[in-house]
PDB file of N, CA and C in Angstrom:
ATOM      1  N   MET A   1       0.388 -21.238   3.618  1.00  0.00           N
ATOM      2  CA  MET A   1       0.586 -22.052   2.337  1.00  0.00           C
ATOM      3  C   MET A   1       2.138 -22.195   2.375  1.00  0.00           C
ATOM      4  N   SER A   2       1.881 -23.621   2.215  1.00  0.00           N
ATOM      5  CA  SER A   2       3.617 -23.538   2.416  1.00  0.00           C
ATOM      6  C   SER A   2       3.887 -23.714   1.019  1.00  0.00           C
ATOM      7  N   ILE A   3       5.288 -22.641   0.537  1.00  0.00           N
ATOM      8  CA  ILE A   3       5.545 -23.297  -0.772  1.00  0.00           C
ATOM      9  C   ILE A   3       7.015 -24.157  -1.112  1.00  0.00           C
ATOM     10  N   PHE A   4       7.812 -24.359   0.300  1.00  0.00           N
ATOM     11  CA  PHE A   4       9.369 -24.989   0.148  1.00  0.00           C
ATOM     12  C   PHE A   4       9.584 -25.156   1.057  1.00  0.00           C
ATOM     13  N   LYS A   5      10.453 -26.903   1.654  1.00  0.00           N
ATOM     14  CA  LYS A   5      10.986 -27.348   2.541  1.00  0.00           C
ATOM     15  C   LYS A   5      11.799 -27.644   2.366  1.00  0.00           C
ATOM     16  N   ASN A   6      12.844 -28.195   2.918  1.00  0.00           N
ATOM     17  CA  ASN A   6      13.559 -28.594   3.060  1.00  0.00           C
ATOM     18  C   ASN A   6      14.444 -28.667   4.891  1.00  0.00           C
ATOM     19  N   GLU A   7      15.110 -29.486   4.709  1.00  0.00           N
ATOM     20  CA  GLU A   7      16.298 -29.878   6.308  1.00  0.00           C
ATOM     21  C   GLU A   7      16.342 -28.440   7.126  1.00  0.00           C
ATOM     22  N   PHE A   8      16.214 -27.201   7.114  1.00  0.00           N
ATOM     23  CA  PHE A   8      16.565 -26.355   7.227  1.00  0.00           C
ATOM     24  C   PHE A   8      15.407 -24.675   7.864  1.00  0.00           C
ATOM     25  N   ILE A   9      14.132 -25.207   6.643  1.00  0.00           N
ATOM     26  CA  ILE A   9      13.707 -23.772   6.489  1.00  0.00           C
ATOM     27  C   ILE A   9      12.298 -24.520   5.975  1.00  0.00           C
ATOM     28  N   THR A  10      11.200 -23.015   5.854  1.00  0.00           N
ATOM     29  CA  THR A  10       9.660 -23.580   5.652  1.00  0.00           C
ATOM     30  C   THR A  10       9.670 -22.520   5.230  1.00  0.00           C
ATOM     31  N   VAL A  11       9.096 -21.995   3.943  1.00  0.00           N
ATOM     32  CA  VAL A  11       9.090 -21.052   3.741  1.00  0.00           C
ATOM     33  C   VAL A  11       6.903 -21.344   3.021  1.00  0.00           C
ATOM     34  N   LEU A  12       6.325 -19.750   3.934  1.00  0.00           N
ATOM     35  CA  LEU A  12       5.387 -20.139   3.334  1.00  0.00           C
ATOM     36  C   LEU A  12       4.830 -18.690   3.063  1.00  0.00           C
ATOM     37  N   LYS A  13       3.663 -18.484   2.026  1.00  0.00           N
ATOM     38  CA  LYS A  13       2.911 -17.490   2.052  1.00  0.00           C
ATOM     39  C   LYS A  13       2.078 -17.187   2.955  1.00  0.00           C
ATOM     40  N   GLU A  14       2.049 -15.779   2.817  1.00  0.00           N
ATOM     41  CA  GLU A  14       1.175 -15.271   3.955  1.00  0.00           C
ATOM     42  C   GLU A  14      -0.201 -14.372   3.551  1.00  0.00           C
ATOM     43  N   LYS A  15      -1.368 -14.944   3.911  1.00  0.00           N
ATOM     44  CA  LYS A  15      -2.702 -14.442   2.699  1.00  0.00           C
ATOM     45  C   LYS A  15      -2.560 -12.430   3.029  1.00  0.00           C
ATOM     46  N   SER A  16      -2.427 -12.268   2.330  1.00  0.00           N
ATOM     47  CA  SER A  16      -2.584 -10.748   2.357  1.00  0.00           C
ATOM     48  C   SER A  16      -2.032  -9.923   0.860  1.00  0.00           C
ATOM     49  N   HIS A  17      -2.994  -8.305   1.261  1.00  0.00           N
ATOM     50  CA  HIS A  17      -2.988  -7.925  -0.048  1.00  0.00           C
ATOM     51  C   HIS A  17      -1.686  -7.459  -0.710  1.00  0.00           C
ATOM     52  N   ILE A  18      -0.346  -7.293  -0.174  1.00  0.00           N
ATOM     53  CA  ILE A  18       1.036  -7.806  -0.278  1.00  0.00           C
ATOM     54  C   ILE A  18       1.614  -8.892  -0.644  1.00  0.00           C
ATOM     55  N   PRO A  19       2.608  -9.138  -1.726  1.00  0.00           N
ATOM     56  CA  PRO A  19       3.474 -10.272  -1.380  1.00  0.00           C
ATOM     57  C   PRO A  19       4.231 -10.432  -0.206  1.00  0.00           C
ATOM     58  N   TRP A  20       3.426 -11.296   0.591  1.00  0.00           N
ATOM     59  CA  TRP A  20       4.680 -11.833   1.999  1.00  0.00           C
ATOM     60  C   TRP A  20       4.971 -12.865   2.360  1.00  0.00           C
ATOM     61  N   LEU A  21       6.187 -13.468   2.647  1.00  0.00           N
ATOM     62  CA  LEU A  21       6.313 -14.637   2.718  1.00  0.00           C
ATOM     63  C   LEU A  21       7.354 -14.902   4.100  1.00  0.00           C
ATOM     64  N   LYS A  22       7.364 -15.969   4.924  1.00  0.00           N
ATOM     65  CA  LYS A  22       7.710 -15.856   5.796  1.00  0.00           C
ATOM     66  C   LYS A  22       8.406 -17.347   6.147  1.00  0.00           C
ATOM     67  N   ILE A  23       9.483 -17.121   6.932  1.00  0.00           N
ATOM     68  CA  ILE A  23      10.316 -18.402   6.425  1.00  0.00           C
ATOM     69  C   ILE A  23      10.930 -18.733   7.753  1.00  0.00           C
ATOM     70  N   PHE A  24      10.741 -19.388   8.684  1.00  0.00           N
ATOM     71  CA  PHE A  24      10.352 -20.311   9.809  1.00  0.00           C
ATOM     72  C   PHE A  24      11.414 -21.955   9.579  1.00  0.00           C
ATOM     73  N   THR A  25      12.303 -21.579  10.617  1.00  0.00           N
ATOM     74  CA  THR A  25      13.300 -22.464  11.055  1.00  0.00           C
ATOM     75  C   THR A  25      12.461 -24.258  10.529  1.00  0.00           C
ATOM     76  N   THR A  26      13.109 -24.527  10.337  1.00  0.00           N
ATOM     77  CA  THR A  26      12.197 -26.501  10.595  1.00  0.00           C
ATOM     78  C   THR A  26      12.185 -26.577  12.019  1.00  0.00           C
ATOM     79  N   VAL A  27      13.381 -26.742  12.278  1.00  0.00           N
ATOM     80  CA  VAL A  27      13.103 -27.274  13.780  1.00  0.00           C
ATOM     81  C   VAL A  27      12.964 -25.557  15.518  1.00  0.00           C
ATOM     82  N   PRO A  28      11.602 -25.940  15.532  1.00  0.00           N
ATOM     83  CA  PRO A  28      11.423 -24.626  16.057  1.00  0.00           C
ATOM     84  C   PRO A  28      12.551 -23.564  17.248  1.00  0.00           C
ATOM     85  N   TYR A  29      13.349 -23.101  16.431  1.00  0.00           N
ATOM     86  CA  TYR A  29      14.061 -22.678  17.722  1.00  0.00           C
ATOM     87  C   TYR A  29      12.997 -21.305  18.008  1.00  0.00           C
ATOM     88  N   LYS A  30      13.432 -20.881  19.047  1.00  0.00           N
ATOM     89  CA  LYS A  30      12.750 -19.499  19.734  1.00  0.00           C
ATOM     90  C   LYS A  30      13.613 -17.997  19.470  1.00  0.00           C
ATOM     91  N   GLU A  31      15.259 -18.627  19.253  1.00  0.00           N
ATOM     92  CA  GLU A  31      15.680 -16.949  19.477  1.00  0.00           C
ATOM     93  C   GLU A  31      16.618 -17.559  17.819  1.00  0.00           C
ATOM     94  N   LEU A  32      17.413 -16.805  17.510  1.00  0.00           N
ATOM     95  CA  LEU A  32      18.067 -16.799  16.801  1.00  0.00           C
ATOM     96  C   LEU A  32      19.363 -16.842  16.784  1.00  0.00           C
ATOM     97  N   THR A  33      19.921 -16.834  18.435  1.00  0.00           N
ATOM     98  CA  THR A  33      21.088 -17.328  18.966  1.00  0.00           C
ATOM     99  C   THR A  33      21.252 -18.419  19.659  1.00  0.00           C
ATOM    100  N   ASP A  34      19.944 -19.185  18.908  1.00  0.00           N
ATOM    101  CA  ASP A  34      20.000 -20.587  19.337  1.00  0.00           C
ATOM    102  C   ASP A  34      19.721 -21.748  18.315  1.00  0.00           C
ATOM    103  N   CYS A  35      20.749 -21.497  16.921  1.00  0.00           N
ATOM    104  CA  CYS A  35      19.860 -21.740  16.142  1.00  0.00           C
ATOM    105  C   CYS A  35      22.306 -22.454  15.997  1.00  0.00           C
ATOM    106  N   PRO A  36      22.012 -24.152  15.321  1.00  0.00           N
ATOM    107  CA  PRO A  36      23.349 -23.739  14.691  1.00  0.00           C
ATOM    108  C   PRO A  36      23.740 -22.755  13.411  1.00  0.00           C
ATOM    109  N   LYS A  37      25.424 -22.495  13.802  1.00  0.00           N
ATOM    110  CA  LYS A  37      25.595 -22.060  11.724  1.00  0.00           C
ATOM    111  C   LYS A  37      24.471 -21.872  11.319  1.00  0.00           C
ATOM    112  N   ASP A  38      24.953 -23.430  10.520  1.00  0.00           N
ATOM    113  CA  ASP A  38      24.517 -23.879   9.315  1.00  0.00           C
ATOM    114  C   ASP A  38      23.132 -23.723   9.323  1.00  0.00           C
ATOM    115  N   LEU A  39      22.463 -23.192  10.069  1.00  0.00           N
ATOM    116  CA  LEU A  39      20.340 -22.660  10.483  1.00  0.00           C
ATOM    117  C   LEU A  39      20.825 -21.520  10.142  1.00  0.00           C
ATOM    118  N   LYS A  40      21.792 -20.719  10.578  1.00  0.00           N
ATOM    119  CA  LYS A  40      21.482 -19.100  10.463  1.00  0.00           C
ATOM    120  C   LYS A  40      21.886 -19.402   9.100  1.00  0.00           C
ATOM    121  N   ALA A  41      23.100 -19.492   8.413  1.00  0.00           N
ATOM    122  CA  ALA A  41      23.516 -19.416   7.029  1.00  0.00           C
ATOM    123  C   ALA A  41      22.254 -19.848   6.661  1.00  0.00           C
ATOM    124  N   ALA A  42      21.623 -20.612   6.736  1.00  0.00           N
ATOM    125  CA  ALA A  42      20.190 -21.596   5.470  1.00  0.00           C
ATOM    126  C   ALA A  42      19.503 -19.977   5.732  1.00  0.00           C
ATOM    127  N   LEU A  43      18.970 -19.420   6.981  1.00  0.00           N
ATOM    128  CA  LEU A  43      17.993 -18.410   7.100  1.00  0.00           C
ATOM    129  C   LEU A  43      18.766 -17.071   5.929  1.00  0.00           C
ATOM    130  N   TYR A  44      19.922 -16.388   6.547  1.00  0.00           N
ATOM    131  CA  TYR A  44      20.348 -15.237   5.580  1.00  0.00           C
ATOM    132  C   TYR A  44      20.233 -16.375   3.972  1.00  0.00           C
ATOM    133  N   ILE A  45      20.535 -16.532   3.723  1.00  0.00           N
ATOM    134  CA  ILE A  45      20.557 -16.858   2.497  1.00  0.00           C
ATOM    135  C   ILE A  45      19.342 -17.024   1.753  1.00  0.00           C
ATOM    136  N   SER A  46      18.258 -18.081   2.453  1.00  0.00           N
ATOM    137  CA  SER A  46      16.930 -17.570   2.094  1.00  0.00           C
ATOM    138  C   SER A  46      16.506 -16.701   1.998  1.00  0.00           C
ATOM    139  N   MET A  47      16.870 -15.364   2.896  1.00  0.00           N
ATOM    140  CA  MET A  47      16.228 -13.896   3.260  1.00  0.00           C
ATOM    141  C   MET A  47      16.167 -13.745   1.801  1.00  0.00           C
ATOM    142  N   GLU A  48      17.785 -13.079   1.645  1.00  0.00           N
ATOM    143  CA  GLU A  48      18.354 -12.753   0.530  1.00  0.00           C
ATOM    144  C   GLU A  48      17.961 -13.202  -0.653  1.00  0.00           C
ATOM    145  N   ILE A  49      17.565 -14.443  -1.247  1.00  0.00           N
ATOM    146  CA  ILE A  49      16.953 -14.615  -2.349  1.00  0.00           C
ATOM    147  C   ILE A  49      15.505 -14.389  -1.735  1.00  0.00           C
ATOM    148  N   THR A  50      14.821 -14.261  -1.769  1.00  0.00           N
ATOM    149  CA  THR A  50      13.744 -13.844  -1.313  1.00  0.00           C
ATOM    150  C   THR A  50      13.522 -12.585  -1.404  1.00  0.00           C
ATOM    151  N   GLU A  51      14.281 -11.802  -1.245  1.00  0.00           N
ATOM    152  CA  GLU A  51      14.202 -10.335  -1.302  1.00  0.00           C
ATOM    153  C   GLU A  51      14.856  -9.747  -2.224  1.00  0.00           C
ATOM    154  N   LYS A  52      15.502 -11.076  -3.009  1.00  0.00           N
ATOM    155  CA  LYS A  52      15.942 -10.166  -4.283  1.00  0.00           C
ATOM    156  C   LYS A  52      15.026 -10.595  -5.763  1.00  0.00           C
ATOM    157  N   HIS A  53      14.309 -11.888  -5.276  1.00  0.00           N
ATOM    158  CA  HIS A  53      13.320 -12.386  -6.506  1.00  0.00           C
ATOM    159  C   HIS A  53      12.314 -11.211  -5.748  1.00  0.00           C
ATOM    160  N   MET A  54      12.189 -10.428  -4.704  1.00  0.00           N
ATOM    161  CA  MET A  54       9.988  -9.667  -4.868  1.00  0.00           C
ATOM    162  C   MET A  54      11.271  -8.068  -5.382  1.00  0.00           C
ATOM    163  N   ARG A  55      12.061  -7.587  -5.391  1.00  0.00           N
ATOM    164  CA  ARG A  55      12.772  -7.052  -5.966  1.00  0.00           C
ATOM    165  C   ARG A  55      12.364  -6.937  -7.464  1.00  0.00           C
ATOM    166  N   ASN A  56      13.348  -7.587  -7.967  1.00  0.00           N
ATOM    167  CA  ASN A  56      13.476  -7.985  -9.493  1.00  0.00           C
ATOM    168  C   ASN A  56      11.957  -8.138 -10.048  1.00  0.00           C
ATOM    169  N   TYR A  57      10.961  -8.262  -9.206  1.00  0.00           N
ATOM    170  CA  TYR A  57       9.643  -9.616  -9.851  1.00  0.00           C
ATOM    171  C   TYR A  57       8.251  -8.295  -9.782  1.00  0.00           C
ATOM    172  N   TYR A  58       8.620  -7.670  -8.168  1.00  0.00           N
ATOM    173  CA  TYR A  58       7.324  -7.200  -8.285  1.00  0.00           C
ATOM    174  C   TYR A  58       7.573  -5.139  -8.341  1.00  0.00           C
ATOM    175  N   LYS A  59       8.785  -5.154  -8.292  1.00  0.00           N
ATOM    176  CA  LYS A  59       9.565  -3.482  -7.992  1.00  0.00           C
ATOM    177  C   LYS A  59       8.464  -3.006  -7.316  1.00  0.00           C
ATOM    178  N   PRO A  60       8.515  -3.371  -5.689  1.00  0.00           N
ATOM    179  CA  PRO A  60       8.469  -2.492  -4.732  1.00  0.00           C
ATOM    180  C   PRO A  60       9.012  -1.644  -4.282  1.00  0.00           C
ATOM    181  N   ASP A  61       8.684  -0.196  -3.790  1.00  0.00           N
ATOM    182  CA  ASP A  61       8.732   0.446  -3.209  1.00  0.00           C
ATOM    183  C   ASP A  61       9.760   0.497  -2.591  1.00  0.00           C
ATOM    184  N   LYS A  62       9.750  -0.651  -1.147  1.00  0.00           N
ATOM    185  CA  LYS A  62      10.522  -1.143  -0.334  1.00  0.00           C
ATOM    186  C   LYS A  62      10.899  -2.300   0.084  1.00  0.00           C
ATOM    187  N   ILE A  63      11.294  -2.803   0.616  1.00  0.00           N
ATOM    188  CA  ILE A  63      11.153  -4.595   1.028  1.00  0.00           C
ATOM    189  C   ILE A  63      11.474  -4.658   2.500  1.00  0.00           C
ATOM    190  N   ASN A  64      10.088  -4.646   3.507  1.00  0.00           N
ATOM    191  CA  ASN A  64       9.568  -4.698   5.150  1.00  0.00           C
ATOM    192  C   ASN A  64      10.832  -6.550   5.541  1.00  0.00           C
ATOM    193  N   ILE A  65      12.108  -6.359   5.877  1.00  0.00           N
ATOM    194  CA  ILE A  65      12.609  -7.418   6.794  1.00  0.00           C
ATOM    195  C   ILE A  65      11.784  -7.366   8.250  1.00  0.00           C
ATOM    196  N   ALA A  66      11.296  -8.376   9.096  1.00  0.00           N
ATOM    197  CA  ALA A  66      11.451  -7.949  10.657  1.00  0.00           C
ATOM    198  C   ALA A  66      11.061  -9.706  10.809  1.00  0.00           C
ATOM    199  N   MET A  67      11.649 -10.039  12.231  1.00  0.00           N
ATOM    200  CA  MET A  67      11.505 -11.279  13.264  1.00  0.00           C
ATOM    201  C   MET A  67      11.254 -10.771  14.019  1.00  0.00           C
ATOM    202  N   PHE A  68      10.146 -11.392  14.616  1.00  0.00           N
ATOM    203  CA  PHE A  68       9.167 -11.041  16.070  1.00  0.00           C
ATOM    204  C   PHE A  68       9.357 -11.783  16.492  1.00  0.00           C
ATOM    205  N   GLY A  69       8.465 -12.743  16.695  1.00  0.00           N
ATOM    206  CA  GLY A  69       7.957 -14.097  17.522  1.00  0.00           C
ATOM    207  C   GLY A  69       7.240 -14.132  18.684  1.00  0.00           C
ATOM    208  N   ASN A  70       6.525 -12.740  19.363  1.00  0.00           N
ATOM    209  CA  ASN A  70       5.806 -12.712  20.440  1.00  0.00           C
ATOM    210  C   ASN A  70       4.204 -13.842  20.719  1.00  0.00           C
ATOM    211  N   TYR A  71       3.606 -13.728  19.565  1.00  0.00           N
ATOM    212  CA  TYR A  71       2.997 -14.578  19.154  1.00  0.00           C
ATOM    213  C   TYR A  71       3.311 -15.756  18.770  1.00  0.00           C
ATOM    214  N   VAL A  72       3.927 -16.113  17.723  1.00  0.00           N
ATOM    215  CA  VAL A  72       4.645 -17.279  18.101  1.00  0.00           C
ATOM    216  C   VAL A  72       5.752 -17.250  18.015  1.00  0.00           C
ATOM    217  N   PRO A  73       6.449 -18.450  18.806  1.00  0.00           N
ATOM    218  CA  PRO A  73       7.623 -18.096  19.308  1.00  0.00           C
ATOM    219  C   PRO A  73       8.533 -18.991  18.939  1.00  0.00           C
ATOM    220  N   HIS A  74       8.228 -19.206  17.722  1.00  0.00           N
ATOM    221  CA  HIS A  74       8.823 -20.345  16.638  1.00  0.00           C
ATOM    222  C   HIS A  74       9.624 -19.390  15.614  1.00  0.00           C
ATOM    223  N   LEU A  75      11.244 -19.135  15.646  1.00  0.00           N
ATOM    224  CA  LEU A  75      11.957 -18.328  14.819  1.00  0.00           C
ATOM    225  C   LEU A  75      11.411 -18.237  13.166  1.00  0.00           C
ATOM    226  N   HIS A  76      10.888 -16.848  12.664  1.00  0.00           N
ATOM    227  CA  HIS A  76      11.034 -16.482  11.345  1.00  0.00           C
ATOM    228  C   HIS A  76      11.043 -15.440  11.240  1.00  0.00           C
ATOM    229  N   ILE A  77      10.977 -15.593   9.989  1.00  0.00           N
ATOM    230  CA  ILE A  77      11.671 -14.299   9.594  1.00  0.00           C
ATOM    231  C   ILE A  77      10.505 -13.644   8.572  1.00  0.00           C
ATOM    232  N   HIS A  78       9.378 -12.559   8.625  1.00  0.00           N
ATOM    233  CA  HIS A  78       8.546 -11.925   7.771  1.00  0.00           C
ATOM    234  C   HIS A  78       9.383 -11.048   6.595  1.00  0.00           C
ATOM    235  N   ILE A  79       9.381 -11.467   5.012  1.00  0.00           N
ATOM    236  CA  ILE A  79       9.377 -10.815   4.034  1.00  0.00           C
ATOM    237  C   ILE A  79       8.531 -10.127   3.671  1.00  0.00           C
ATOM    238  N   MET A  80       8.474  -8.413   2.837  1.00  0.00           N
ATOM    239  CA  MET A  80       7.133  -8.018   2.526  1.00  0.00           C
ATOM    240  C   MET A  80       7.493  -6.696   1.487  1.00  0.00           C
ATOM    241  N   ALA A  81       7.129  -7.134   0.257  1.00  0.00           N
ATOM    242  CA  ALA A  81       7.267  -5.833  -0.722  1.00  0.00           C
ATOM    243  C   ALA A  81       5.938  -5.101  -0.396  1.00  0.00           C
ATOM    244  N   ARG A  82       6.700  -3.537  -0.302  1.00  0.00           N
ATOM    245  CA  ARG A  82       5.613  -2.825   0.413  1.00  0.00           C
ATOM    246  C   ARG A  82       6.009  -1.543  -0.614  1.00  0.00           C
ATOM    247  N   PHE A  83       4.287  -0.911  -1.113  1.00  0.00           N
ATOM    248  CA  PHE A  83       4.487  -0.313  -2.263  1.00  0.00           C
ATOM    249  C   PHE A  83       3.489   0.932  -1.253  1.00  0.00           C
ATOM    250  N   LYS A  84       3.827   2.508  -1.598  1.00  0.00           N
ATOM    251  CA  LYS A  84       3.115   3.768  -1.427  1.00  0.00           C
ATOM    252  C   LYS A  84       1.923   3.279  -0.928  1.00  0.00           C
ATOM    253  N   ASN A  85       1.218   2.694  -1.946  1.00  0.00           N
ATOM    254  CA  ASN A  85      -0.293   2.578  -1.932  1.00  0.00           C
ATOM    255  C   ASN A  85      -1.082   1.404  -1.505  1.00  0.00           C
ATOM    256  N   ASP A  86      -0.262   0.269  -0.824  1.00  0.00           N
ATOM    257  CA  ASP A  86      -0.884  -0.932  -0.138  1.00  0.00           C
ATOM    258  C   ASP A  86      -1.724   0.272   1.161  1.00  0.00           C
ATOM    259  N   ALA A  87      -2.244  -0.909   1.518  1.00  0.00           N
ATOM    260  CA  ALA A  87      -2.848  -0.704   2.637  1.00  0.00           C
ATOM    261  C   ALA A  87      -2.146   0.466   3.904  1.00  0.00           C
ATOM    262  N   PHE A  88      -1.304  -0.101   4.620  1.00  0.00           N
ATOM    263  CA  PHE A  88      -0.762   0.594   5.612  1.00  0.00           C
ATOM    264  C   PHE A  88       0.512   1.260   5.212  1.00  0.00           C
ATOM    265  N   PHE A  89       1.099   1.445   4.244  1.00  0.00           N
ATOM    266  CA  PHE A  89       2.287   2.009   3.912  1.00  0.00           C
ATOM    267  C   PHE A  89       1.652   4.056   4.214  1.00  0.00           C
ATOM    268  N   PRO A  90       2.858   4.464   5.177  1.00  0.00           N
ATOM    269  CA  PRO A  90       4.431   4.264   5.478  1.00  0.00           C
ATOM    270  C   PRO A  90       4.273   3.113   6.759  1.00  0.00           C
ATOM    271  N   GLU A  91       3.281   2.790   7.259  1.00  0.00           N
ATOM    272  CA  GLU A  91       2.867   2.370   9.068  1.00  0.00           C
ATOM    273  C   GLU A  91       3.988   0.416   8.096  1.00  0.00           C
ATOM    274  N   SER A  92       3.637   0.598   9.846  1.00  0.00           N
ATOM    275  CA  SER A  92       4.495  -1.495   9.546  1.00  0.00           C
ATOM    276  C   SER A  92       2.458  -2.209   8.987  1.00  0.00           C
ATOM    277  N   MET A  93       3.360  -3.782   8.659  1.00  0.00           N
ATOM    278  CA  MET A  93       2.173  -3.607   8.431  1.00  0.00           C
ATOM    279  C   MET A  93       0.934  -4.408   9.601  1.00  0.00           C
ATOM    280  N   TRP A  94       1.449  -4.224  10.387  1.00  0.00           N
ATOM    281  CA  TRP A  94       0.936  -4.094  11.618  1.00  0.00           C
ATOM    282  C   TRP A  94       0.367  -3.437  12.875  1.00  0.00           C
ATOM    283  N   GLY A  95       0.787  -2.378  11.526  1.00  0.00           N
ATOM    284  CA  GLY A  95       0.185  -0.548  12.047  1.00  0.00           C
ATOM    285  C   GLY A  95      -1.187  -0.310  11.623  1.00  0.00           C
ATOM    286  N   LYS A  96      -1.570   1.322  11.547  1.00  0.00           N
ATOM    287  CA  LYS A  96      -2.883   1.351  11.432  1.00  0.00           C
ATOM    288  C   LYS A  96      -2.717   1.865   9.623  1.00  0.00           C
ATOM    289  N   LYS A  97      -3.886   1.211   9.478  1.00  0.00           N
ATOM    290  CA  LYS A  97      -4.761   1.182   7.827  1.00  0.00           C
ATOM    291  C   LYS A  97      -4.675   2.645   8.001  1.00  0.00           C
ATOM    292  N   GLN A  98      -4.041   3.060   6.600  1.00  0.00           N
ATOM    293  CA  GLN A  98      -4.101   4.014   6.229  1.00  0.00           C
ATOM    294  C   GLN A  98      -4.978   4.747   5.214  1.00  0.00           C
ATOM    295  N   ARG A  99      -5.165   3.218   4.314  1.00  0.00           N
ATOM    296  CA  ARG A  99      -6.201   3.421   2.769  1.00  0.00           C
ATOM    297  C   ARG A  99      -6.756   1.975   2.821  1.00  0.00           C
ATOM    298  N   GLU A 100      -7.511   1.937   1.746  1.00  0.00           N
ATOM    299  CA  GLU A 100      -7.605   0.664   1.181  1.00  0.00           C
ATOM    300  C   GLU A 100      -6.746   0.554  -0.205  1.00  0.00           C
ATOM    301  N   PRO A 101      -6.423  -0.481  -0.573  1.00  0.00           N
ATOM    302  CA  PRO A 101      -5.025  -0.753  -1.523  1.00  0.00           C
ATOM    303  C   PRO A 101      -5.504  -0.598  -2.013  1.00  0.00           C
ATOM    304  N   SER A 102      -5.022  -0.323  -3.610  1.00  0.00           N
ATOM    305  CA  SER A 102      -4.758   0.044  -4.669  1.00  0.00           C
ATOM    306  C   SER A 102      -4.039  -0.553  -5.403  1.00  0.00           C
ATOM    307  N   LEU A 103      -3.648  -1.486  -5.310  1.00  0.00           N
ATOM    308  CA  LEU A 103      -2.516  -2.395  -5.890  1.00  0.00           C
ATOM    309  C   LEU A 103      -2.633  -3.181  -7.158  1.00  0.00           C
ATOM    310  N   ILE A 104      -1.991  -3.303  -8.370  1.00  0.00           N
ATOM    311  CA  ILE A 104      -2.448  -3.805  -9.295  1.00  0.00           C
ATOM    312  C   ILE A 104      -1.040  -4.754  -9.296  1.00  0.00           C
ATOM    313  N   LEU A 105      -1.088  -5.925  -8.916  1.00  0.00           N
ATOM    314  CA  LEU A 105       0.557  -6.508  -8.963  1.00  0.00           C
ATOM    315  C   LEU A 105      -0.258  -7.961 -10.449  1.00  0.00           C
ATOM    316  N   PRO A 106       1.144  -8.257 -11.096  1.00  0.00           N
ATOM    317  CA  PRO A 106       0.945  -9.090 -11.699  1.00  0.00           C
ATOM    318  C   PRO A 106       1.070 -10.953 -11.017  1.00  0.00           C
ATOM    319  N   ASP A 107       0.517 -11.720 -11.755  1.00  0.00           N
ATOM    320  CA  ASP A 107      -0.029 -12.932 -11.084  1.00  0.00           C
ATOM    321  C   ASP A 107       1.923 -13.708 -10.357  1.00  0.00           C
ATOM    322  N   GLU A 108       0.960 -14.314  -9.503  1.00  0.00           N
ATOM    323  CA  GLU A 108       2.119 -14.622  -7.758  1.00  0.00           C
ATOM    324  C   GLU A 108       3.319 -15.938  -8.751  1.00  0.00           C
ATOM    325  N   LYS A 109       2.402 -16.635  -9.456  1.00  0.00           N
ATOM    326  CA  LYS A 109       2.786 -18.022  -9.736  1.00  0.00           C
ATOM    327  C   LYS A 109       4.207 -17.681 -10.734  1.00  0.00           C
ATOM    328  N   PRO A 110       4.120 -16.875 -12.259  1.00  0.00           N
ATOM    329  CA  PRO A 110       6.565 -16.638 -12.378  1.00  0.00           C
ATOM    330  C   PRO A 110       7.204 -16.589 -10.525  1.00  0.00           C
ATOM    331  N   PHE A 111       6.922 -15.547 -10.184  1.00  0.00           N
ATOM    332  CA  PHE A 111       7.863 -15.552  -8.643  1.00  0.00           C
ATOM    333  C   PHE A 111       7.585 -16.505  -8.250  1.00  0.00           C
ATOM    334  N   LEU A 112       6.542 -17.557  -7.533  1.00  0.00           N
ATOM    335  CA  LEU A 112       7.115 -18.853  -6.545  1.00  0.00           C
ATOM    336  C   LEU A 112       7.969 -19.184  -7.437  1.00  0.00           C
ATOM    337  N   LYS A 113       7.545 -20.064  -8.719  1.00  0.00           N
ATOM    338  CA  LYS A 113       8.362 -20.555  -9.813  1.00  0.00           C
ATOM    339  C   LYS A 113       9.277 -20.036  -9.926  1.00  0.00           C
ATOM    340  N   ALA A 114       9.958 -19.275 -10.060  1.00  0.00           N
ATOM    341  CA  ALA A 114      11.222 -18.905  -9.841  1.00  0.00           C
ATOM    342  C   ALA A 114      11.821 -19.271  -8.664  1.00  0.00           C
ATOM    343  N   LEU A 115      11.311 -18.553  -7.253  1.00  0.00           N
ATOM    344  CA  LEU A 115      11.966 -18.102  -5.770  1.00  0.00           C
ATOM    345  C   LEU A 115      12.095 -20.045  -6.249  1.00  0.00           C
ATOM    346  N   ILE A 116      11.147 -20.807  -5.850  1.00  0.00           N
ATOM    347  CA  ILE A 116      11.098 -22.015  -4.995  1.00  0.00           C
ATOM    348  C   ILE A 116      13.065 -22.970  -6.293  1.00  0.00           C
ATOM    349  N   GLU A 117      12.942 -22.518  -7.286  1.00  0.00           N
ATOM    350  CA  GLU A 117      13.888 -23.188  -7.901  1.00  0.00           C
ATOM    351  C   GLU A 117      14.904 -23.067  -7.269  1.00  0.00           C
ATOM    352  N   GLU A 118      15.119 -21.326  -7.233  1.00  0.00           N
ATOM    353  CA  GLU A 118      16.700 -21.107  -6.723  1.00  0.00           C
ATOM    354  C   GLU A 118      16.800 -21.502  -5.425  1.00  0.00           C
ATOM    355  N   LEU A 119      15.604 -21.158  -4.712  1.00  0.00           N
ATOM    356  CA  LEU A 119      15.884 -21.713  -3.178  1.00  0.00           C
ATOM    357  C   LEU A 119      16.244 -23.426  -2.932  1.00  0.00           C
ATOM    358  N   LYS A 120      15.755 -23.919  -4.372  1.00  0.00           N
ATOM    359  CA  LYS A 120      16.012 -25.412  -4.238  1.00  0.00           C
ATOM    360  C   LYS A 120      17.587 -25.885  -4.822  1.00  0.00           C
ATOM    361  N   TYR A 121      18.091 -25.317  -5.758  1.00  0.00           N
ATOM    362  CA  TYR A 121      19.897 -24.761  -6.218  1.00  0.00           C
ATOM    363  C   TYR A 121      20.405 -25.181  -5.170  1.00  0.00           C
ATOM    364  N   SER A 122      19.520 -23.091  -4.315  1.00  0.00           N
ATOM    365  CA  SER A 122      21.062 -23.069  -3.041  1.00  0.00           C
ATOM    366  C   SER A 122      21.102 -24.129  -1.747  1.00  0.00           C
ATOM    367  N   PHE A 123      20.014 -25.009  -1.725  1.00  0.00           N
ATOM    368  CA  PHE A 123      20.409 -25.838  -1.241  1.00  0.00           C
ATOM    369  C   PHE A 123      20.595 -27.369  -1.312  1.00  0.00           C
TER     370      PHE A 123
END
């Protein structure tokens, strides 16, 4: 689900039991080194804003940030709030499931609203 878009980035919400967002470049670059400097700056700023909002709102045990692209060769960044009682912790979200999740998280609407407002303000 798309939650934000501008000339540089598109932010998508991943369907998951943890808070998980993906930031894509609007233009489908394959690698970070293919991007112009202003886009690299926009990616970093949006990643940092997203991490800060996740940390402040959800109070996770850890934030995971990943850049892959083996299946989707369009540059994107995964930002995930991780908890000791999520289904995969301490494994990555692509790793071996460790347990049934027992998370009780606050409503995501205030988090998404605040995040979108800061992203709009920052660009």
